[in-house]
């Protein structure tokens, strides 16, 4: 049967709801014949009330108010923008945070190598998926070895400090402890700053450290052995006090060599700790220098539980204490 003029005019139109407009002819296929038996609806309706007269489709969807997605997950901002030494483990750490959130179903991760979201903005309804504008859109920040000076402006610095102080979470991985040495409030919030890694040398960049678990019942370290070995690059620290932080893991100082004044004279060498900053929860650890570390089940479990704790999803006592034997 030969096509009629009416069938040649069948097409699909985007129309203002509830108005109709004349349809344009459907574009011809390669053979010049329309495929299939259904031409689609007579009117294609958009979600919601439809654009106002003269409003573009782009503007309409950008401002379309939608209901919330359920169930609602937590949101974690992962900062991996190194400004000093580019650890090749950063992609693995950032991807890990994303994957752990997917695996547990507890958070969505926004991965950034810039610091544009570290500002006191956001918190408004979003129209089409997660479109963060600032820290008000997040529940925790993870610093994935983003070392060096971040060069935040004063407003950004205030925003990050207040974000944590007001009750949000902060997890600092490895070289995040080697960041912002010129910003004293950041060091105070994290709980310590890196000054070196004298046990790791050019000849032996990865050292087998014996670690002691002081963590007691704290979730992130409870399942680790009392005494165990990890190969990594671990830091010596300054600007910290056991009256301020709760040390969970430390290096067994009886198993490392004498490096003179490159290590503290008391041999107290924390590897993981927690602290309360205002109303916020802070976890930090020097573990995670190598890409291989992010395949280690112990490290993965520790950081996963640390993020859960920082988000307030699991409990964990923070009890600063003098140096003590392994739990």
Protein backbone atom coordinates (compact mmCIF):
# COMPACT_ATOMS: atom_id res chain seq x y z
CA UNK A 1 0.00 0.00 0.00
CA UNK A 2 1.35 3.41 -0.91
CA UNK A 3 1.82 5.83 2.05
CA UNK A 4 -0.77 8.55 2.27
CA UNK A 5 0.07 12.25 2.79
CA UNK A 6 -1.15 11.87 6.40
CA UNK A 7 1.37 9.14 7.27
CA UNK A 8 4.17 11.22 5.82
CA UNK A 9 3.32 14.00 8.28
CA UNK A 10 3.61 11.88 11.45
CA UNK A 11 6.35 13.29 13.79
CA UNK A 12 7.24 13.97 17.39
CA UNK A 13 6.91 17.47 18.91
CA UNK A 14 7.87 19.06 22.23
CA UNK A 15 4.84 21.19 23.12
CA UNK A 16 4.10 23.60 25.92
CA UNK A 17 1.69 21.87 28.32
CA UNK A 18 -1.26 22.01 27.90
CA UNK A 19 -0.92 23.86 24.56
CA UNK A 20 -0.47 22.03 21.24
CA UNK A 21 1.56 23.10 18.24
CA UNK A 22 1.65 21.86 14.70
CA UNK A 23 3.92 18.87 14.20
CA UNK A 24 6.80 18.97 11.78
CA UNK A 25 7.17 16.02 9.42
CA UNK A 26 9.30 13.19 10.82
CA UNK A 27 12.76 13.06 9.22
CA UNK A 28 13.04 10.49 6.49
CA UNK A 29 14.96 7.32 7.20
CA UNK A 30 17.66 6.05 4.91
CA UNK A 31 15.05 4.14 2.94
CA UNK A 32 12.54 6.98 3.06
CA UNK A 33 10.00 4.81 4.90
CA UNK A 34 8.91 5.27 8.56
CA UNK A 35 9.91 2.26 10.69
CA UNK A 36 7.53 0.54 13.08
CA UNK A 37 3.78 0.72 13.55
CA UNK A 38 3.58 3.37 16.34
CA UNK A 39 4.43 7.00 15.75
CA UNK A 40 4.47 7.91 19.45
CA UNK A 41 2.03 9.99 21.49
CA UNK A 42 0.08 12.77 19.85
CA UNK A 43 1.50 15.17 22.45
CA UNK A 44 4.79 14.73 24.32
CA UNK A 45 4.31 16.09 27.82
CA UNK A 46 7.19 17.26 29.99
CA UNK A 47 7.44 16.57 33.73
CA UNK A 48 5.80 19.26 35.81
CA UNK A 49 3.78 22.22 34.57
CA UNK A 50 5.86 22.78 31.44
CA UNK A 51 7.91 25.81 30.42
CA UNK A 52 6.46 29.29 30.65
CA UNK A 53 5.96 31.12 27.35
CA UNK A 54 9.38 31.97 25.98
CA UNK A 55 11.27 29.82 28.55
CA UNK A 56 13.95 27.55 27.14
CA UNK A 57 13.95 23.84 27.83
CA UNK A 58 17.41 24.16 29.42
CA UNK A 59 16.21 26.84 31.86
CA UNK A 60 13.06 24.87 32.64
CA UNK A 61 14.89 21.69 33.64
CA UNK A 62 17.57 23.63 35.55
CA UNK A 63 14.85 25.09 37.81
CA UNK A 64 12.38 22.20 37.90
CA UNK A 65 11.49 21.35 41.50
CA UNK A 66 11.39 17.62 42.13
CA UNK A 67 10.73 15.43 45.13
CA UNK A 68 13.63 13.94 47.11
CA UNK A 69 15.14 10.60 46.24
CA UNK A 70 14.65 7.84 48.78
CA UNK A 71 16.31 6.34 50.63
CA UNK A 72 18.50 9.36 51.28
CA UNK A 73 22.22 8.61 51.54
CA UNK A 74 24.95 10.60 53.21
CA UNK A 75 27.22 12.65 50.97
CA UNK A 76 31.01 12.62 51.24
CA UNK A 77 33.34 15.10 49.54
CA UNK A 78 36.68 13.47 48.66
CA UNK A 79 39.58 15.89 48.13
CA UNK A 80 42.53 14.45 46.21
CA UNK A 81 44.20 17.57 44.88
CA UNK A 82 47.85 17.18 45.89
CA UNK A 83 49.87 20.41 45.88
CA UNK A 84 53.23 19.02 47.03
CA UNK A 85 53.94 15.36 46.16
CA UNK A 86 51.60 13.51 43.82
CA UNK A 87 51.13 10.12 45.44
CA UNK A 88 50.27 7.46 42.89
CA UNK A 89 47.92 6.00 45.50
CA UNK A 90 45.54 8.99 45.35
CA UNK A 91 43.32 7.56 42.57
CA UNK A 92 43.10 4.26 44.45
CA UNK A 93 42.15 6.03 47.69
CA UNK A 94 39.53 8.21 46.01
CA UNK A 95 38.07 5.29 44.06
CA UNK A 96 38.05 3.29 47.30
CA UNK A 97 35.90 5.85 49.11
CA UNK A 98 33.45 5.80 46.20
CA UNK A 99 33.37 1.99 46.07
CA UNK A 100 32.95 1.56 49.84
CA UNK A 101 29.97 3.88 49.81
CA UNK A 102 28.42 1.89 46.99
CA UNK A 103 29.15 -1.43 48.70
CA UNK A 104 27.68 -0.40 52.04
CA UNK A 105 24.88 1.70 50.54
CA UNK A 106 25.62 4.35 53.15
CA UNK A 107 27.06 7.28 51.20
CA UNK A 108 27.62 8.78 47.78
CA UNK A 109 31.07 10.21 47.12
CA UNK A 110 31.89 13.34 45.15
CA UNK A 111 35.50 13.09 43.92
CA UNK A 112 37.42 16.34 43.37
CA UNK A 113 41.00 17.34 42.71
CA UNK A 114 40.14 21.02 43.17
CA UNK A 115 38.89 22.91 46.22
CA UNK A 116 36.01 24.86 44.67
CA UNK A 117 33.43 23.10 46.88
CA UNK A 118 35.27 24.04 50.07
CA UNK A 119 33.07 27.05 50.74
CA UNK A 120 30.03 27.94 52.83
CA UNK A 121 27.43 27.49 50.11
CA UNK A 122 24.94 24.85 49.04
CA UNK A 123 22.21 23.27 51.10
CA UNK A 124 19.41 24.20 48.69
CA UNK A 125 17.08 21.75 46.92
CA UNK A 126 18.58 20.06 43.87
CA UNK A 127 16.64 19.53 40.68
CA UNK A 128 18.22 16.69 38.75
CA UNK A 129 20.52 14.46 40.75
CA UNK A 130 23.31 15.56 43.08
CA UNK A 131 24.63 18.96 42.03
CA UNK A 132 26.65 20.26 45.00
CA UNK A 133 27.49 23.92 45.38
CA UNK A 134 29.46 23.83 48.63
CA UNK A 135 30.05 22.21 51.99
CA UNK A 136 26.41 22.54 53.07
CA UNK A 137 25.65 19.74 50.62
CA UNK A 138 27.93 17.26 52.45
CA UNK A 139 28.07 15.29 55.68
CA UNK A 140 31.82 14.59 55.75
CA UNK A 141 35.06 15.48 53.98
CA UNK A 142 37.76 12.91 53.21
CA UNK A 143 41.26 14.20 52.47
CA UNK A 144 42.89 11.58 50.22
CA UNK A 145 46.59 12.51 50.47
CA UNK A 146 45.90 16.06 49.28
CA UNK A 147 49.17 17.43 50.61
CA UNK A 148 50.83 20.84 50.33
CA UNK A 149 49.28 24.27 50.74
CA UNK A 150 45.72 24.36 49.42
CA UNK A 151 45.77 28.16 49.15
CA UNK A 152 42.19 28.59 50.31
CA UNK A 153 40.91 32.10 50.77
CA UNK A 154 39.90 33.22 54.28
CA UNK A 155 36.24 32.47 53.64
CA UNK A 156 37.01 28.94 52.51
CA UNK A 157 39.16 28.32 55.56
CA UNK A 158 36.41 29.50 57.89
CA UNK A 159 33.90 27.33 56.03
CA UNK A 160 35.90 24.11 56.46
CA UNK A 161 36.63 24.73 60.13
CA UNK A 162 33.01 25.57 60.87
CA UNK A 163 31.78 22.61 58.81
CA UNK A 164 33.59 20.19 61.13
CA UNK A 165 33.11 22.22 64.29
CA UNK A 166 29.34 22.30 63.74
CA UNK A 167 29.12 18.51 63.82
CA UNK A 168 30.23 17.10 60.46
CA UNK A 169 32.98 14.56 59.84
CA UNK A 170 36.59 14.71 58.64
CA UNK A 171 38.77 11.74 57.63
CA UNK A 172 42.41 12.48 56.79
CA UNK A 173 44.34 9.84 54.87
CA UNK A 174 48.14 9.64 54.83
CA UNK A 175 49.53 12.81 53.19
CA UNK A 176 46.54 14.90 54.21
CA UNK A 177 48.53 15.12 57.45
CA UNK A 178 51.28 16.76 55.34
CA UNK A 179 49.00 19.60 54.23
CA UNK A 180 48.55 23.26 55.10
CA UNK A 181 51.56 23.62 57.39
CA UNK A 182 51.07 27.38 57.18
CA UNK A 183 47.46 27.13 58.36
CA UNK A 184 47.66 26.44 62.08
CA UNK A 185 43.92 25.94 62.57
CA UNK A 186 43.96 23.06 60.06
CA UNK A 187 46.76 21.37 62.01
CA UNK A 188 44.82 21.82 65.23
CA UNK A 189 41.67 20.35 63.66
CA UNK A 190 43.52 17.30 62.27
CA UNK A 191 45.39 16.80 65.53
CA UNK A 192 49.00 16.60 64.28
CA UNK A 193 51.27 17.44 61.36
CA UNK A 194 53.86 15.43 59.47
CA UNK A 195 57.53 16.30 59.86
CA UNK A 196 59.17 13.36 58.10
CA UNK A 197 59.41 9.65 57.48
CA UNK A 198 62.97 8.84 58.58
CA UNK A 199 62.46 5.08 58.74
CA UNK A 200 61.70 5.02 55.02
CA UNK A 201 64.78 5.66 52.90
CA UNK A 202 65.62 5.93 49.21
CA UNK A 203 67.06 2.44 49.38
CA UNK A 204 64.04 1.15 51.30
CA UNK A 205 61.05 3.38 50.43
CA UNK A 206 58.57 0.94 51.96
CA UNK A 207 59.36 -0.31 55.45
CA UNK A 208 57.81 -3.18 57.42
CA UNK A 209 56.50 -1.54 60.60
CA UNK A 210 55.34 -3.36 63.71
CA UNK A 211 52.19 -1.63 64.95
CA UNK A 212 50.52 -1.76 68.35
CA UNK A 213 46.76 -1.47 68.72
CA UNK A 214 45.72 0.84 71.58
CA UNK A 215 42.23 1.29 70.16
CA UNK A 216 40.23 -0.78 72.60
CA UNK A 217 36.63 -0.97 71.39
CA UNK A 218 36.85 1.79 68.80
CA UNK A 219 35.07 0.52 65.68
CA UNK A 220 37.75 1.27 63.08
CA UNK A 221 40.51 -0.64 64.87
CA UNK A 222 38.66 -3.10 67.09
CA UNK A 223 39.17 -6.03 64.70
CA UNK A 224 42.87 -5.40 64.12
CA UNK A 225 45.36 -7.60 66.03
CA UNK A 226 47.03 -6.36 69.17
CA UNK A 227 50.38 -6.43 67.40
CA UNK A 228 50.80 -6.69 63.64
CA UNK A 229 53.03 -5.67 60.74
CA UNK A 230 52.26 -3.37 57.80
CA UNK A 231 54.54 -2.29 54.98
CA UNK A 232 54.09 1.41 54.34
CA UNK A 233 55.64 4.85 54.60
CA UNK A 234 54.73 6.12 58.05
CA UNK A 235 55.31 9.59 59.45
CA UNK A 236 56.83 11.17 62.48
CA UNK A 237 54.60 13.92 63.87
CA UNK A 238 54.71 17.16 65.79
CA UNK A 239 52.14 19.58 67.20
CA UNK A 240 50.11 16.92 68.91
CA UNK A 241 49.30 15.83 72.44
CA UNK A 242 47.78 12.70 73.94
CA UNK A 243 45.57 15.00 75.99
CA UNK A 244 43.99 16.17 72.72
CA UNK A 245 43.81 13.05 70.54
CA UNK A 246 42.86 9.44 71.20
CA UNK A 247 45.69 7.32 69.79
CA UNK A 248 44.39 4.09 68.24
CA UNK A 249 47.53 2.70 66.57
CA UNK A 250 51.20 3.45 67.07
CA UNK A 251 54.55 2.17 65.90
CA UNK A 252 56.29 -0.22 68.28
CA UNK A 253 59.30 2.02 68.93
CA UNK A 254 61.35 -0.97 70.14
CA UNK A 255 61.36 -2.33 66.58
CA UNK A 256 62.68 0.73 64.70
CA UNK A 257 66.22 2.02 64.41
CA UNK A 258 67.64 5.10 66.10
CA UNK A 259 67.25 8.08 63.75
CA UNK A 260 68.40 10.72 66.23
CA UNK A 261 66.32 13.90 66.45
CA UNK A 262 64.29 12.93 63.36
CA UNK A 263 61.98 11.09 65.77
CA UNK A 264 60.63 12.23 69.16
CA UNK A 265 62.81 11.27 72.12
CA UNK A 266 59.97 9.50 73.89
CA UNK A 267 59.44 7.18 70.92
CA UNK A 268 55.69 7.86 70.83
CA UNK A 269 54.76 7.45 67.15
CA UNK A 270 50.99 7.53 66.45
CA UNK A 271 49.72 5.93 63.23
CA UNK A 272 45.96 6.41 63.67
CA UNK A 273 43.94 8.61 66.01
CA UNK A 274 40.60 10.31 66.55
CA UNK A 275 39.52 13.55 68.15
CA UNK A 276 36.43 15.62 68.71
CA UNK A 277 36.67 19.07 67.12
CA UNK A 278 33.83 21.20 68.42
CA UNK A 279 30.90 18.89 67.73
CA UNK A 280 32.61 17.21 64.78
CA UNK A 281 34.38 13.87 64.46
CA UNK A 282 37.94 13.67 63.10
CA UNK A 283 39.84 10.50 62.16
CA UNK A 284 43.39 10.55 60.80
CA UNK A 285 45.95 7.91 59.88
CA UNK A 286 49.37 7.89 58.26
CA UNK A 287 48.62 4.54 56.57
CA UNK A 288 48.05 4.58 52.81
CA UNK A 289 51.20 5.68 50.98
CA UNK A 290 51.18 2.90 48.40
CA UNK A 291 48.61 1.81 45.84
CA UNK A 292 48.87 -1.68 47.29
CA UNK A 293 47.68 -0.39 50.68
CA UNK A 294 44.23 0.21 49.21
CA UNK A 295 43.89 -3.49 48.41
CA UNK A 296 44.76 -4.48 51.99
CA UNK A 297 41.57 -5.69 53.74
CA UNK A 298 42.77 -4.30 57.08
CA UNK A 299 43.32 -0.81 55.65
CA UNK A 300 40.09 -0.88 53.66
CA UNK A 301 38.06 -1.96 56.70
CA UNK A 302 39.73 0.61 58.95
CA UNK A 303 39.01 3.54 56.64
CA UNK A 304 35.50 2.32 55.79
CA UNK A 305 34.60 2.16 59.46
CA UNK A 306 36.36 5.49 60.05
CA UNK A 307 34.11 7.15 57.46
CA UNK A 308 31.04 5.50 58.98
CA UNK A 309 32.12 6.83 62.38
CA UNK A 310 32.78 10.32 61.00
CA UNK A 311 29.28 10.28 59.48
CA UNK A 312 27.78 9.27 62.83
CA UNK A 313 26.61 5.91 61.49
CA UNK A 314 28.54 3.91 64.08
CA UNK A 315 29.53 4.79 67.62
CA UNK A 316 33.05 4.89 68.93
CA UNK A 317 34.33 6.37 72.19
CA UNK A 318 36.98 9.09 71.99
CA UNK A 319 39.07 8.78 75.12
CA UNK A 320 42.48 10.53 75.08
CA UNK A 321 44.89 8.57 77.26
CA UNK A 322 48.58 8.25 78.13
CA UNK A 323 50.70 5.82 76.14
CA UNK A 324 49.65 2.31 77.06
CA UNK A 325 50.30 -1.24 76.08
CA UNK A 326 48.46 -2.70 73.15
CA UNK A 327 44.85 -3.52 73.92
